Amino acid sequence: MVRTVALLLLTAAVSLAVGVSTASASSPLGPHEATWSVTLDSTLTVDLGPLGSVTMDSPAGLLGVEVIVGEIPGEPDPEAVSAETLGQALSSDGAAYVALITHPELTIQRGLRALADDALRRAGLIESVLLCLVTAGRLAGLRLPRWRAGRHMPRAATAVLAVTSAVVAVAVVVPAVHTGPAAGTRLEVLAGTPVENARLSGRVADIVQAYGGRVTAFMDENTAFYTAAEDNLRAAWSAAAAVDGAVDVTAADGGVDGSAIDAAFQEAAARGTTPVGIATPEVTVVTPATASPTADPTAPATGIWAVDPEENSTVVLSTDLHCNLDVIAFTGVLDEVAGADVHMDGGDLTMTGSQPESICVDALSDAVPSGVARVATIGNHDSDSTVERLRAQGWTVTDGTVQDVAGLNVLGDVDPDRTSASGTVKRGQEDAAQLGARLASTSCQATEANKRVDVVLIHQPYTFAPLIAEGCAPLLIAGHVHQERGMTTTAGGNLPVSQLVSGAGKGGTSIGRVTQDAYLHVLSFTPDGDLAAWRTVTLHADASVTVGAWQPVPGVTEPEDS
């Protein structure tokens, strides 16, 4: 038994060592294809071919990593490329370069994960081969020599074994760890950036020296903007919580206007649109005696009265993030301060859905706090690669069936259109209306089976008409239009159907600071899956943030008289 365990441990150690030291994997570097491999020189080396190289301390500790950069993949159909589509493709490449420079850790983490996966595959294969050889030897009647207690290996054999081991170690290990002088030089222009310790050589060093100042200025401005935005989000959320989300709260420069919040709260209390009796250090106590005599004492079924953080599920909704890594990180902060139970993404997480853009998925997965359930639908800019990456990281991806996400029944499916640098085409035979009709039928079948759909999460709002006509799902959520249209409710075939359509403005959606308002939402659901209240969180172009008041589900909109 002891010998068997010792054999397993020895073969496992050997297999793992060989697997790690020989690991090689394919993982994008910006828009480029790249081959990553393990070395033993404790250095991360990026080989840029004729442009030169970049070297820096290895993120893998004692192990080194060599990255050989390949080409930027072209369009599958070269004949479809035009001046316009080429411009879009180059813009996407530029966004990938900016993401690499501003957030290199995401690319490095993905490369290391790919190497770890390959190392484990290799180690498993080697271990299997070794154990098969041992098994075959034993079946053939071969046995390891049994040394009696007190019996020692002959001195000559011991010497030969020791010398042989030393020679093998010197011949194999020493050349691998010997690196010589580090190539390239550190550039002062990169000081203060995530790559300040990198050594650059060749033409790439000249390019960085010439234009690096512009890049670092952009990075500094970008970092300052989103640092301020996150501080403002925390300040606005805290101030809004102090008044139980009764009024809109805007934070700028890390603070709020307490007197303005107090005045707004008093007005809301006078209208009877906020609970009375809330006491905070910043807000005057409002008692029933000071409330307006016309205020309706009956609490509505939805809205601020229905928000119960202990019983309800809190959902944070994002859509049309388009790989803006900083807005993605901002979204994760909202998950944190809101105490989200579920994060929903309404699609268009990427720009074109290219394989290198899986870094966008990585960024959102890292931003959402652990323990938060995740569900996403696929937009027209997303691809099969996006779907695979989301599922690999634990996301529930809508697929045309009713799926349970932390107690909510969610229905949706992949967008019927596919937009790449070459233009927009249909993915299959359906258009938006036909997709909506199919989902409407599915939602009604679920109702008949006593599994009512709580939310339809879909990218395009053009799917809504048949879903409203059938009226079997009470809430429809979409993005796509890059506009905040808020929530409306329409009388459906079986029940009232509320619709929430939102998204960030198109300005600055993928690179740098936003130049138009970007909208996120927080929704509160009862344990039965009914929407209890919703609110808007707006990131403004000056980095200020507005946390909206909790809103009730709107009543059915009456048709206008013709």
Protein backbone atom coordinates (compact mmCIF):
# COMPACT_ATOMS: atom_id res chain seq x y z
CA MET A 1 0.00 0.00 0.00
CA VAL A 2 2.78 2.42 0.99
CA ARG A 3 4.70 1.63 -2.19
CA THR A 4 1.57 2.25 -4.28
CA VAL A 5 0.93 5.63 -2.67
CA ALA A 6 4.58 6.56 -3.09
CA LEU A 7 4.42 5.56 -6.75
CA LEU A 8 1.29 7.65 -7.32
CA LEU A 9 2.82 10.69 -5.62
CA LEU A 10 6.05 10.35 -7.57
CA THR A 11 4.38 9.95 -10.95
CA ALA A 12 1.98 12.80 -10.18
CA ALA A 13 4.87 15.10 -9.26
CA VAL A 14 6.81 14.16 -12.38
CA SER A 15 3.73 14.53 -14.61
CA LEU A 16 2.83 17.92 -13.16
CA ALA A 17 6.39 19.20 -13.47
CA VAL A 18 6.63 18.12 -17.10
CA GLY A 19 3.11 19.38 -17.86
CA VAL A 20 3.76 22.84 -16.41
CA SER A 21 7.20 23.25 -17.94
CA THR A 22 6.00 22.31 -21.43
CA ALA A 23 2.60 24.05 -21.37
CA SER A 24 1.59 26.02 -24.43
CA ALA A 25 -1.72 27.62 -25.31
CA SER A 26 -3.42 30.03 -27.67
CA SER A 27 -4.84 33.19 -26.09
CA PRO A 28 -5.42 36.61 -27.70
CA LEU A 29 -3.19 39.61 -27.05
CA GLY A 30 -5.28 42.65 -27.89
CA PRO A 31 -6.69 42.00 -31.38
CA HIS A 32 -3.86 39.57 -32.22
CA GLU A 33 -3.74 35.83 -32.12
CA ALA A 34 -0.91 34.80 -29.80
CA THR A 35 0.82 31.66 -28.60
CA TRP A 36 1.69 31.51 -24.92
CA SER A 37 4.27 29.06 -23.54
CA VAL A 38 5.99 28.46 -20.21
CA THR A 39 9.70 29.13 -19.71
CA LEU A 40 11.88 28.87 -16.62
CA ASP A 41 13.43 32.35 -16.68
CA SER A 42 10.95 34.22 -14.41
CA THR A 43 10.31 36.74 -17.20
CA LEU A 44 7.28 37.64 -19.29
CA THR A 45 8.51 38.14 -22.85
CA VAL A 46 6.25 39.35 -25.63
CA ASP A 47 7.82 38.72 -29.04
CA LEU A 48 6.49 41.28 -31.51
CA GLY A 49 8.47 39.91 -34.42
CA PRO A 50 10.17 42.60 -36.53
CA LEU A 51 8.81 45.34 -34.28
CA GLY A 52 10.89 44.17 -31.31
CA SER A 53 9.94 42.77 -27.92
CA VAL A 54 8.60 43.67 -24.51
CA THR A 55 9.89 42.04 -21.32
CA MET A 56 8.84 42.43 -17.71
CA ASP A 57 8.74 40.43 -14.49
CA SER A 58 6.72 37.28 -14.85
CA PRO A 59 3.23 37.23 -13.30
CA ALA A 60 3.77 33.49 -12.75
CA GLY A 61 6.53 33.91 -10.16
CA LEU A 62 9.48 31.58 -10.73
CA LEU A 63 8.04 30.42 -14.02
CA GLY A 64 8.43 32.60 -17.07
CA VAL A 65 6.02 33.13 -19.95
CA GLU A 66 6.82 33.71 -23.61
CA VAL A 67 4.13 35.21 -25.84
CA ILE A 68 4.61 35.07 -29.58
CA VAL A 69 2.27 37.53 -31.23
CA GLY A 70 0.58 36.47 -34.45
CA GLU A 71 -1.65 38.15 -36.97
CA ILE A 72 -4.90 39.99 -36.46
CA PRO A 73 -7.59 37.65 -37.80
CA GLY A 74 -9.28 38.97 -40.91
CA GLU A 75 -12.90 38.70 -41.91
CA PRO A 76 -14.09 35.20 -42.87
CA ASP A 77 -15.25 36.54 -46.25
CA PRO A 78 -12.57 38.92 -47.64
CA GLU A 79 -14.81 39.86 -50.57
CA ALA A 80 -17.28 41.42 -48.13
CA VAL A 81 -14.69 43.89 -46.86
CA SER A 82 -15.19 47.49 -47.98
CA ALA A 83 -13.72 50.81 -46.93
CA GLU A 84 -16.55 51.26 -44.41
CA THR A 85 -16.34 47.79 -42.89
CA LEU A 86 -12.54 48.03 -42.78
CA GLY A 87 -12.86 51.23 -40.80
CA GLN A 88 -15.16 49.50 -38.33
CA ALA A 89 -12.75 46.60 -38.02
CA LEU A 90 -9.80 48.93 -37.41
CA SER A 91 -11.84 50.79 -34.81
CA SER A 92 -12.50 47.49 -33.05
CA ASP A 93 -8.77 46.69 -33.22
CA GLY A 94 -8.01 50.09 -31.69
CA ALA A 95 -10.43 49.43 -28.85
CA ALA A 96 -8.71 46.09 -28.22
CA TYR A 97 -5.31 47.81 -28.04
CA VAL A 98 -6.65 50.39 -25.58
CA ALA A 99 -8.16 47.63 -23.43
CA LEU A 100 -4.80 45.84 -23.46
CA ILE A 101 -2.90 48.96 -22.40
CA THR A 102 -5.36 50.17 -19.75
CA HIS A 103 -6.20 46.75 -18.29
CA PRO A 104 -3.29 44.40 -19.10
CA GLU A 105 -4.11 42.23 -16.09
CA LEU A 106 -7.23 40.88 -17.82
CA THR A 107 -5.23 39.67 -20.81
CA ILE A 108 -2.51 38.22 -18.59
CA GLN A 109 -5.01 36.39 -16.37
CA ARG A 110 -6.68 34.85 -19.38
CA GLY A 111 -3.32 33.73 -20.83
CA LEU A 112 -2.28 32.18 -17.52
CA ARG A 113 -5.61 30.36 -17.24
CA ALA A 114 -5.11 28.95 -20.73
CA LEU A 115 -1.59 27.79 -19.79
CA ALA A 116 -2.88 26.22 -16.57
CA ASP A 117 -5.55 24.33 -18.50
CA ASP A 118 -2.97 23.03 -20.97
CA ALA A 119 -0.54 22.10 -18.17
CA LEU A 120 -3.23 20.03 -16.43
CA ARG A 121 -4.16 18.30 -19.70
CA ARG A 122 -0.53 17.42 -20.36
CA ALA A 123 0.04 16.28 -16.77
CA GLY A 124 -3.06 14.08 -16.92
CA LEU A 125 -1.88 12.48 -20.15
CA ILE A 126 1.64 11.87 -18.85
CA GLU A 127 0.31 10.44 -15.59
CA SER A 128 -1.97 8.11 -17.53
CA VAL A 129 0.92 6.90 -19.71
CA LEU A 130 3.20 6.31 -16.73
CA LEU A 131 0.56 4.38 -14.81
CA CYS A 132 -0.27 2.33 -17.91
CA LEU A 133 3.43 1.44 -18.30
CA VAL A 134 3.68 0.42 -14.64
CA THR A 135 0.50 -1.66 -14.96
CA ALA A 136 1.75 -3.31 -18.14
CA GLY A 137 5.06 -4.10 -16.46
CA ARG A 138 3.38 -5.72 -13.51
CA LEU A 139 1.05 -7.71 -15.73
CA ALA A 140 4.13 -8.92 -17.61
CA GLY A 141 5.56 -10.27 -14.37
CA LEU A 142 8.09 -7.52 -13.74
CA ARG A 143 8.53 -6.49 -10.13
CA LEU A 144 10.40 -3.71 -8.46
CA PRO A 145 13.30 -5.07 -6.37
CA ARG A 146 12.47 -5.53 -2.71
CA TRP A 147 15.23 -4.17 -0.55
CA ARG A 148 15.58 -5.92 2.74
CA ALA A 149 15.92 -3.85 5.86
CA GLY A 150 19.49 -2.79 6.34
CA ARG A 151 20.44 -3.56 2.75
CA HIS A 152 21.99 -0.66 0.87
CA MET A 153 22.55 0.07 -2.78
CA PRO A 154 26.16 -0.56 -3.83
CA ARG A 155 28.35 2.53 -3.57
CA ALA A 156 29.25 2.42 -7.22
CA ALA A 157 25.58 2.34 -8.24
CA THR A 158 24.82 5.19 -5.86
CA ALA A 159 27.61 7.28 -7.35
CA VAL A 160 26.52 6.57 -10.91
CA LEU A 161 22.91 7.48 -10.05
CA ALA A 162 23.93 10.73 -8.34
CA VAL A 163 26.23 11.81 -11.17
CA THR A 164 23.63 10.96 -13.80
CA SER A 165 20.96 12.96 -11.98
CA ALA A 166 23.27 15.95 -11.65
CA VAL A 167 24.21 15.85 -15.33
CA VAL A 168 20.56 15.69 -16.37
CA ALA A 169 19.70 18.62 -14.11
CA VAL A 170 22.55 20.72 -15.48
CA ALA A 171 21.81 19.82 -19.09
CA VAL A 172 18.06 20.44 -18.90
CA VAL A 173 17.41 23.01 -16.22
CA VAL A 174 20.36 25.38 -16.39
CA PRO A 175 19.95 26.33 -20.07
CA ALA A 176 16.27 26.94 -19.45
CA VAL A 177 16.79 29.36 -16.58
CA HIS A 178 19.77 31.18 -18.07
CA THR A 179 18.54 34.39 -19.64
CA GLY A 180 21.50 36.70 -19.96
CA PRO A 181 21.03 40.48 -20.03
CA ALA A 182 17.41 41.64 -20.30
CA ALA A 183 16.56 42.92 -23.77
CA GLY A 184 15.36 46.47 -24.27
CA THR A 185 15.15 49.46 -21.97
CA ARG A 186 12.59 50.96 -19.63
CA LEU A 187 10.98 54.13 -20.97
CA GLU A 188 10.31 57.09 -18.72
CA VAL A 189 7.19 57.89 -20.71
CA LEU A 190 5.53 54.77 -19.23
CA ALA A 191 6.15 55.78 -15.61
CA GLY A 192 3.06 55.43 -13.48
CA THR A 193 1.34 53.00 -15.85
CA PRO A 194 0.69 49.27 -15.32
CA VAL A 195 3.61 48.54 -17.67
CA GLU A 196 6.14 50.97 -16.23
CA ASN A 197 8.66 48.18 -15.57
CA ALA A 198 8.44 46.76 -19.08
CA ARG A 199 11.56 46.77 -21.25
CA LEU A 200 10.96 47.59 -24.90
CA SER A 201 13.19 47.13 -27.90
CA GLY A 202 13.05 47.66 -31.64
CA ARG A 203 10.56 49.82 -33.52
CA VAL A 204 7.89 49.34 -30.88
CA ALA A 205 10.12 51.22 -28.41
CA ASP A 206 10.36 54.13 -30.86
CA ILE A 207 6.59 54.21 -31.33
CA VAL A 208 5.94 54.13 -27.59
CA GLN A 209 8.54 56.84 -26.97
CA ALA A 210 6.95 59.07 -29.60
CA TYR A 211 3.30 58.57 -28.70
CA GLY A 212 3.41 57.15 -25.20
CA GLY A 213 2.85 60.58 -23.66
CA ARG A 214 -0.51 60.86 -25.37
CA VAL A 215 -1.48 57.38 -24.26
CA THR A 216 -0.50 57.97 -20.63
CA ALA A 217 -2.35 61.31 -20.61
CA PHE A 218 -5.45 59.51 -21.88
CA MET A 219 -5.04 56.80 -19.26
CA ASP A 220 -4.59 59.34 -16.45
CA GLU A 221 -7.70 61.24 -17.52
CA ASN A 222 -9.67 58.04 -17.92
CA THR A 223 -8.60 56.71 -14.52
CA ALA A 224 -9.46 60.00 -12.81
CA PHE A 225 -12.91 60.06 -14.45
CA TYR A 226 -13.94 56.56 -13.40
CA THR A 227 -12.39 56.85 -9.95
CA ALA A 228 -14.55 59.94 -9.43
CA ALA A 229 -17.58 58.14 -10.89
CA GLU A 230 -17.21 55.21 -8.47
CA ASP A 231 -16.78 57.60 -5.52
CA ASN A 232 -19.90 59.46 -6.61
CA LEU A 233 -21.87 56.23 -6.95
CA ARG A 234 -21.00 55.21 -3.41
CA ALA A 235 -21.84 58.67 -2.06
CA ALA A 236 -25.15 58.89 -3.93
CA TRP A 237 -26.20 55.36 -2.94
CA SER A 238 -25.40 56.00 0.72
CA ALA A 239 -27.34 59.29 0.73
CA ALA A 240 -30.28 57.66 -1.08
CA ALA A 241 -30.32 54.83 1.47
CA ALA A 242 -30.54 57.42 4.24
CA VAL A 243 -33.96 58.46 2.87
CA ASP A 244 -34.98 54.91 1.94
CA GLY A 245 -34.73 55.66 -1.78
CA ALA A 246 -37.60 58.13 -1.61
CA VAL A 247 -36.05 60.82 -3.84
CA ASP A 248 -33.46 61.16 -6.58
CA VAL A 249 -29.94 61.80 -5.25
CA THR A 250 -27.05 63.14 -7.34
CA ALA A 251 -23.45 63.05 -6.15
CA ALA A 252 -20.59 65.07 -7.66
CA ASP A 253 -17.01 65.44 -6.45
CA GLY A 254 -17.66 62.67 -3.94
CA GLY A 255 -20.46 64.46 -2.08
CA VAL A 256 -24.17 65.35 -2.18
CA ASP A 257 -26.22 68.45 -1.49
CA GLY A 258 -27.87 67.56 1.82
CA SER A 259 -30.20 70.56 1.86
CA ALA A 260 -31.49 69.74 -1.62
CA ILE A 261 -32.14 66.14 -0.58
CA ASP A 262 -33.97 67.32 2.54
CA ALA A 263 -36.15 69.69 0.51
CA ALA A 264 -36.96 67.02 -2.06
CA PHE A 265 -37.84 64.58 0.70
CA GLN A 266 -40.19 67.11 2.34
CA GLU A 267 -41.95 67.69 -0.99
CA ALA A 268 -42.33 63.95 -1.56
CA ALA A 269 -43.73 63.49 1.94
CA ALA A 270 -46.22 66.29 1.38
CA ARG A 271 -47.42 64.61 -1.79
CA GLY A 272 -47.78 61.32 0.04
CA THR A 273 -45.32 59.61 -2.30
CA THR A 274 -42.89 58.54 0.40
CA PRO A 275 -43.26 56.65 3.67
CA VAL A 276 -43.52 58.85 6.74
CA GLY A 277 -41.56 58.53 9.93
CA ILE A 278 -38.09 58.16 8.37
CA ALA A 279 -35.49 59.69 10.65
CA THR A 280 -31.86 60.23 9.56
CA PRO A 281 -29.15 62.64 10.67
CA GLU A 282 -29.41 64.48 7.34
CA VAL A 283 -33.18 64.51 6.86
CA THR A 284 -35.82 66.13 9.07
CA VAL A 285 -38.22 63.67 10.68
CA VAL A 286 -41.55 63.64 8.88
CA THR A 287 -44.50 62.61 11.06
CA PRO A 288 -48.10 62.00 10.10
CA ALA A 289 -48.99 65.40 11.56
CA THR A 290 -46.73 67.20 9.07
CA ALA A 291 -47.80 65.19 6.04
CA SER A 292 -50.26 66.65 3.59
CA PRO A 293 -53.92 66.04 4.54
CA THR A 294 -54.52 65.05 0.93
CA ALA A 295 -51.87 62.34 1.00
CA ASP A 296 -53.25 58.88 0.30
CA PRO A 297 -52.68 56.85 3.49
CA THR A 298 -53.04 53.60 1.56
CA ALA A 299 -49.69 52.20 0.49
CA PRO A 300 -49.59 51.09 -3.16
CA ALA A 301 -48.92 47.50 -4.10
CA THR A 302 -45.61 48.43 -5.71
CA GLY A 303 -42.99 51.13 -5.29
CA ILE A 304 -40.95 52.17 -2.30
CA TRP A 305 -43.46 50.64 0.16
CA ALA A 306 -42.93 47.21 -1.43
CA VAL A 307 -39.11 47.21 -1.24
CA ASP A 308 -38.07 44.68 1.38
CA PRO A 309 -34.32 43.98 1.21
CA GLU A 310 -34.71 41.03 3.56
CA GLU A 311 -37.41 39.25 1.55
CA ASN A 312 -37.09 40.57 -2.00
CA SER A 313 -34.50 39.72 -4.64
CA THR A 314 -32.35 42.63 -5.83
CA VAL A 315 -31.42 42.59 -9.51
CA VAL A 316 -28.90 44.88 -11.22
CA LEU A 317 -29.48 45.31 -14.96
CA SER A 318 -26.87 46.35 -17.50
CA THR A 319 -27.09 46.41 -21.28
CA ASP A 320 -25.09 47.57 -24.31
CA LEU A 321 -21.80 47.81 -22.42
CA HIS A 322 -19.87 47.32 -25.68
CA CYS A 323 -16.64 46.32 -23.95
CA ASN A 324 -16.10 49.60 -22.11
CA LEU A 325 -14.04 47.97 -19.40
CA ASP A 326 -14.34 50.93 -17.04
CA VAL A 327 -18.13 51.09 -17.27
CA ILE A 328 -18.13 47.32 -16.72
CA ALA A 329 -16.11 47.85 -13.52
CA PHE A 330 -18.54 50.62 -12.51
CA THR A 331 -21.40 48.15 -12.97
CA GLY A 332 -19.69 45.78 -10.55
CA VAL A 333 -19.53 48.55 -7.94
CA LEU A 334 -23.30 48.98 -8.32
CA ASP A 335 -23.73 45.24 -7.71
CA GLU A 336 -21.72 45.68 -4.53
CA VAL A 337 -23.49 48.72 -3.05
CA ALA A 338 -26.95 47.47 -4.05
CA GLY A 339 -26.36 44.05 -2.49
CA ALA A 340 -27.37 42.39 -5.75
CA ASP A 341 -28.69 38.85 -5.73
CA VAL A 342 -28.76 38.65 -9.53
CA HIS A 343 -26.93 40.48 -12.31
CA MET A 344 -28.76 40.60 -15.65
CA ASP A 345 -27.08 41.70 -18.86
CA GLY A 346 -29.23 42.63 -21.83
CA GLY A 347 -26.71 41.89 -24.57
CA ASP A 348 -24.11 43.66 -26.72
CA LEU A 349 -21.41 43.09 -24.16
CA THR A 350 -18.90 43.16 -27.05
CA MET A 351 -18.29 45.29 -30.14
CA THR A 352 -18.13 42.59 -32.80
CA GLY A 353 -18.03 39.35 -30.83
CA SER A 354 -14.52 38.53 -32.03
CA GLN A 355 -12.59 35.91 -30.11
CA PRO A 356 -10.16 38.45 -28.58
CA GLU A 357 -13.18 40.34 -27.23
CA SER A 358 -13.84 37.54 -24.78
CA ILE A 359 -11.82 39.81 -22.50
CA CYS A 360 -15.07 41.82 -22.23
CA VAL A 361 -16.77 38.76 -20.74
CA ASP A 362 -13.82 38.23 -18.41
CA ALA A 363 -14.09 41.82 -17.22
CA LEU A 364 -17.81 41.57 -16.39
CA SER A 365 -17.35 38.19 -14.72
CA ASP A 366 -14.59 39.65 -12.55
CA ALA A 367 -16.63 42.79 -11.77
CA VAL A 368 -19.74 40.98 -10.54
CA PRO A 369 -19.14 39.99 -6.90
CA SER A 370 -18.85 36.31 -6.11
CA GLY A 371 -22.08 34.71 -4.97
CA VAL A 372 -24.22 36.86 -7.28
CA ALA A 373 -26.24 34.83 -9.79
CA ARG A 374 -25.59 35.83 -13.43
CA VAL A 375 -27.83 35.70 -16.49
CA ALA A 376 -27.21 37.23 -19.90
CA THR A 377 -28.94 37.42 -23.23
CA ILE A 378 -27.02 37.73 -26.49
CA GLY A 379 -27.16 40.92 -28.56
CA ASN A 380 -26.60 41.43 -32.25
CA HIS A 381 -22.96 42.45 -31.63
CA ASP A 382 -22.25 39.27 -29.64
CA SER A 383 -21.26 35.94 -31.15
CA ASP A 384 -21.06 32.22 -30.49
CA SER A 385 -17.65 32.89 -28.95
CA THR A 386 -19.32 35.28 -26.50
CA VAL A 387 -21.87 32.60 -25.58
CA GLU A 388 -19.18 29.98 -24.97
CA ARG A 389 -17.13 32.32 -22.81
CA LEU A 390 -20.13 33.37 -20.72
CA ARG A 391 -21.19 29.78 -20.07
CA ALA A 392 -17.63 28.74 -19.27
CA GLN A 393 -17.58 31.39 -16.53
CA GLY A 394 -20.83 30.31 -14.91
CA TRP A 395 -23.36 32.58 -16.63
CA THR A 396 -26.84 31.41 -17.50
CA VAL A 397 -27.32 32.37 -21.16
CA THR A 398 -30.85 32.64 -22.52
CA ASP A 399 -31.61 29.87 -25.00
CA GLY A 400 -35.35 29.96 -25.71
CA THR A 401 -36.31 27.97 -22.62
CA VAL A 402 -37.52 29.04 -19.18
CA GLN A 403 -34.51 29.05 -16.84
CA ASP A 404 -34.42 29.40 -13.06
CA VAL A 405 -32.01 32.13 -11.99
CA ALA A 406 -31.89 32.49 -8.19
CA GLY A 407 -35.62 31.86 -7.96
CA LEU A 408 -36.66 34.01 -10.94
CA ASN A 409 -38.06 32.33 -14.06
CA VAL A 410 -36.24 33.99 -16.97
CA LEU A 411 -37.00 33.54 -20.66
CA GLY A 412 -35.06 34.89 -23.63
CA ASP A 413 -32.96 33.88 -26.60
CA VAL A 414 -30.10 34.91 -28.85
CA ASP A 415 -30.72 38.02 -30.95
CA PRO A 416 -31.98 37.16 -34.46
CA ASP A 417 -29.41 39.51 -36.05
CA ARG A 418 -25.63 39.30 -36.13
CA THR A 419 -23.56 42.46 -36.53
CA SER A 420 -19.85 42.20 -37.30
CA ALA A 421 -17.37 44.48 -39.01
CA SER A 422 -18.80 43.26 -42.34
CA GLY A 423 -22.34 44.44 -41.54
CA THR A 424 -25.57 42.99 -40.15
CA VAL A 425 -27.09 39.72 -41.30
CA LYS A 426 -29.68 37.29 -39.95
CA ARG A 427 -28.39 34.50 -37.74
CA GLY A 428 -31.16 32.16 -38.85
CA GLN A 429 -34.60 32.29 -40.40
CA GLU A 430 -36.35 34.37 -37.73
CA ASP A 431 -36.72 38.13 -37.53
CA ALA A 432 -37.41 40.03 -34.29
CA ALA A 433 -41.20 39.69 -34.54
CA GLN A 434 -41.00 35.94 -35.22
CA LEU A 435 -38.62 35.49 -32.28
CA GLY A 436 -41.07 37.41 -30.10
CA ALA A 437 -43.94 35.20 -31.24
CA ARG A 438 -42.00 32.03 -30.40
CA LEU A 439 -41.10 33.36 -26.94
CA ALA A 440 -44.72 34.43 -26.39
CA SER A 441 -45.87 30.88 -27.12
CA THR A 442 -43.24 29.47 -24.77
CA SER A 443 -44.29 31.86 -21.98
CA CYS A 444 -47.95 30.83 -22.28
CA GLN A 445 -47.05 27.15 -22.24
CA ALA A 446 -45.02 27.79 -19.08
CA THR A 447 -48.04 29.46 -17.46
CA GLU A 448 -50.20 26.45 -18.28
CA ALA A 449 -47.57 24.26 -16.64
CA ASN A 450 -47.69 26.43 -13.46
CA LYS A 451 -44.23 27.85 -14.13
CA ARG A 452 -45.03 31.44 -15.00
CA VAL A 453 -42.27 33.44 -16.69
CA ASP A 454 -41.28 36.32 -14.40
CA VAL A 455 -38.99 38.15 -16.83
CA VAL A 456 -38.38 38.07 -20.57
CA LEU A 457 -34.78 39.22 -21.06
CA ILE A 458 -34.18 39.94 -24.74
CA HIS A 459 -31.93 42.35 -26.60
CA GLN A 460 -34.24 44.00 -29.12
CA PRO A 461 -37.50 45.66 -28.03
CA TYR A 462 -38.88 44.92 -31.51
CA THR A 463 -39.73 41.47 -30.15
CA PHE A 464 -42.26 42.94 -27.69
CA ALA A 465 -45.45 43.19 -29.79
CA PRO A 466 -46.39 39.47 -29.85
CA LEU A 467 -45.32 39.07 -26.21
CA ILE A 468 -47.71 41.87 -25.23
CA ALA A 469 -50.48 40.49 -27.43
CA GLU A 470 -50.31 37.11 -25.69
CA GLY A 471 -49.71 38.70 -22.29
CA CYS A 472 -48.38 35.67 -20.44
CA ALA A 473 -45.18 37.29 -19.06
CA PRO A 474 -45.57 40.36 -16.80
CA LEU A 475 -42.18 42.02 -17.48
CA LEU A 476 -40.18 42.49 -20.69
CA ILE A 477 -36.61 43.90 -20.60
CA ALA A 478 -34.56 45.02 -23.61
CA GLY A 479 -31.76 47.36 -24.66
CA HIS A 480 -30.30 47.84 -28.16
CA VAL A 481 -31.64 51.35 -28.80
CA HIS A 482 -29.01 53.20 -26.72
CA GLN A 483 -31.74 55.29 -25.15
CA GLU A 484 -33.42 55.41 -21.76
CA ARG A 485 -37.11 54.88 -22.48
CA GLY A 486 -38.02 53.93 -18.93
CA MET A 487 -40.88 51.63 -18.04
CA THR A 488 -44.41 51.52 -19.42
CA THR A 489 -47.27 49.07 -18.93
CA THR A 490 -49.68 47.87 -21.60
CA ALA A 491 -52.80 45.73 -21.29
CA GLY A 492 -51.80 42.31 -22.57
CA GLY A 493 -53.87 39.40 -23.74
CA ASN A 494 -53.89 37.73 -20.31
CA LEU A 495 -52.36 40.26 -17.90
CA PRO A 496 -50.78 43.74 -17.88
CA VAL A 497 -47.29 43.67 -19.42
CA SER A 498 -44.59 46.13 -18.26
CA GLN A 499 -41.71 46.97 -20.58
CA LEU A 500 -38.32 48.41 -19.62
CA VAL A 501 -36.08 49.62 -22.45
CA SER A 502 -32.73 51.20 -21.71
CA GLY A 503 -29.03 51.42 -22.49
CA ALA A 504 -26.09 53.77 -22.59
CA GLY A 505 -25.94 56.62 -25.08
CA LYS A 506 -23.70 55.89 -28.04
CA GLY A 507 -21.06 58.43 -27.02
CA GLY A 508 -18.00 56.74 -25.57
CA THR A 509 -19.59 53.33 -25.36
CA SER A 510 -16.38 51.34 -25.79
CA ILE A 511 -13.32 53.52 -25.15
CA GLY A 512 -12.70 56.11 -22.49
CA ARG A 513 -15.10 58.25 -20.54
CA VAL A 514 -18.78 58.31 -21.42
CA THR A 515 -19.84 61.40 -23.36
CA GLN A 516 -23.57 60.79 -22.91
CA ASP A 517 -25.62 59.52 -20.00
CA ALA A 518 -25.21 55.77 -19.35
CA TYR A 519 -28.09 54.00 -17.61
CA LEU A 520 -28.19 51.04 -15.27
CA HIS A 521 -31.17 49.78 -13.30
CA VAL A 522 -31.89 48.14 -9.99
CA LEU A 523 -35.06 46.06 -9.69
CA SER A 524 -36.70 44.55 -6.61
CA PHE A 525 -38.71 41.31 -6.99
CA THR A 526 -40.98 39.70 -4.44
CA PRO A 527 -40.42 36.05 -3.48
CA ASP A 528 -43.23 35.20 -5.93
CA GLY A 529 -41.28 36.76 -8.82
CA ASP A 530 -43.41 39.90 -9.13
CA LEU A 531 -41.68 43.23 -9.78
CA ALA A 532 -42.10 45.31 -6.61
CA ALA A 533 -40.15 48.45 -7.59
CA TRP A 534 -37.40 49.71 -9.88
CA ARG A 535 -34.94 52.58 -10.00
CA THR A 536 -32.48 54.11 -12.44
CA VAL A 537 -28.78 54.74 -11.81
CA THR A 538 -27.29 57.25 -14.26
CA LEU A 539 -23.61 57.88 -14.94
CA HIS A 540 -23.32 61.39 -16.40
CA ALA A 541 -20.67 62.73 -18.77
CA ASP A 542 -19.10 64.82 -15.97
CA ALA A 543 -18.63 61.72 -13.75
CA SER A 544 -21.50 62.71 -11.46
CA VAL A 545 -23.95 59.94 -10.64
CA THR A 546 -27.69 60.04 -9.98
CA VAL A 547 -29.35 57.27 -8.00
CA GLY A 548 -33.03 57.52 -8.81
CA ALA A 549 -35.88 57.08 -6.36
CA TRP A 550 -37.66 53.75 -6.16
CA GLN A 551 -40.51 53.79 -8.68
CA PRO A 552 -43.73 51.74 -8.65
CA VAL A 553 -44.67 49.57 -11.59
CA PRO A 554 -46.63 52.00 -13.80
CA GLY A 555 -50.31 51.48 -14.39
CA VAL A 556 -51.71 50.45 -17.73
CA THR A 557 -51.43 53.22 -20.29
CA GLU A 558 -54.83 54.08 -21.68
CA PRO A 559 -54.97 54.45 -25.48
CA GLU A 560 -55.32 58.03 -26.65
CA ASP A 561 -58.61 59.09 -28.20
CA SER A 562 -58.34 59.37 -31.96
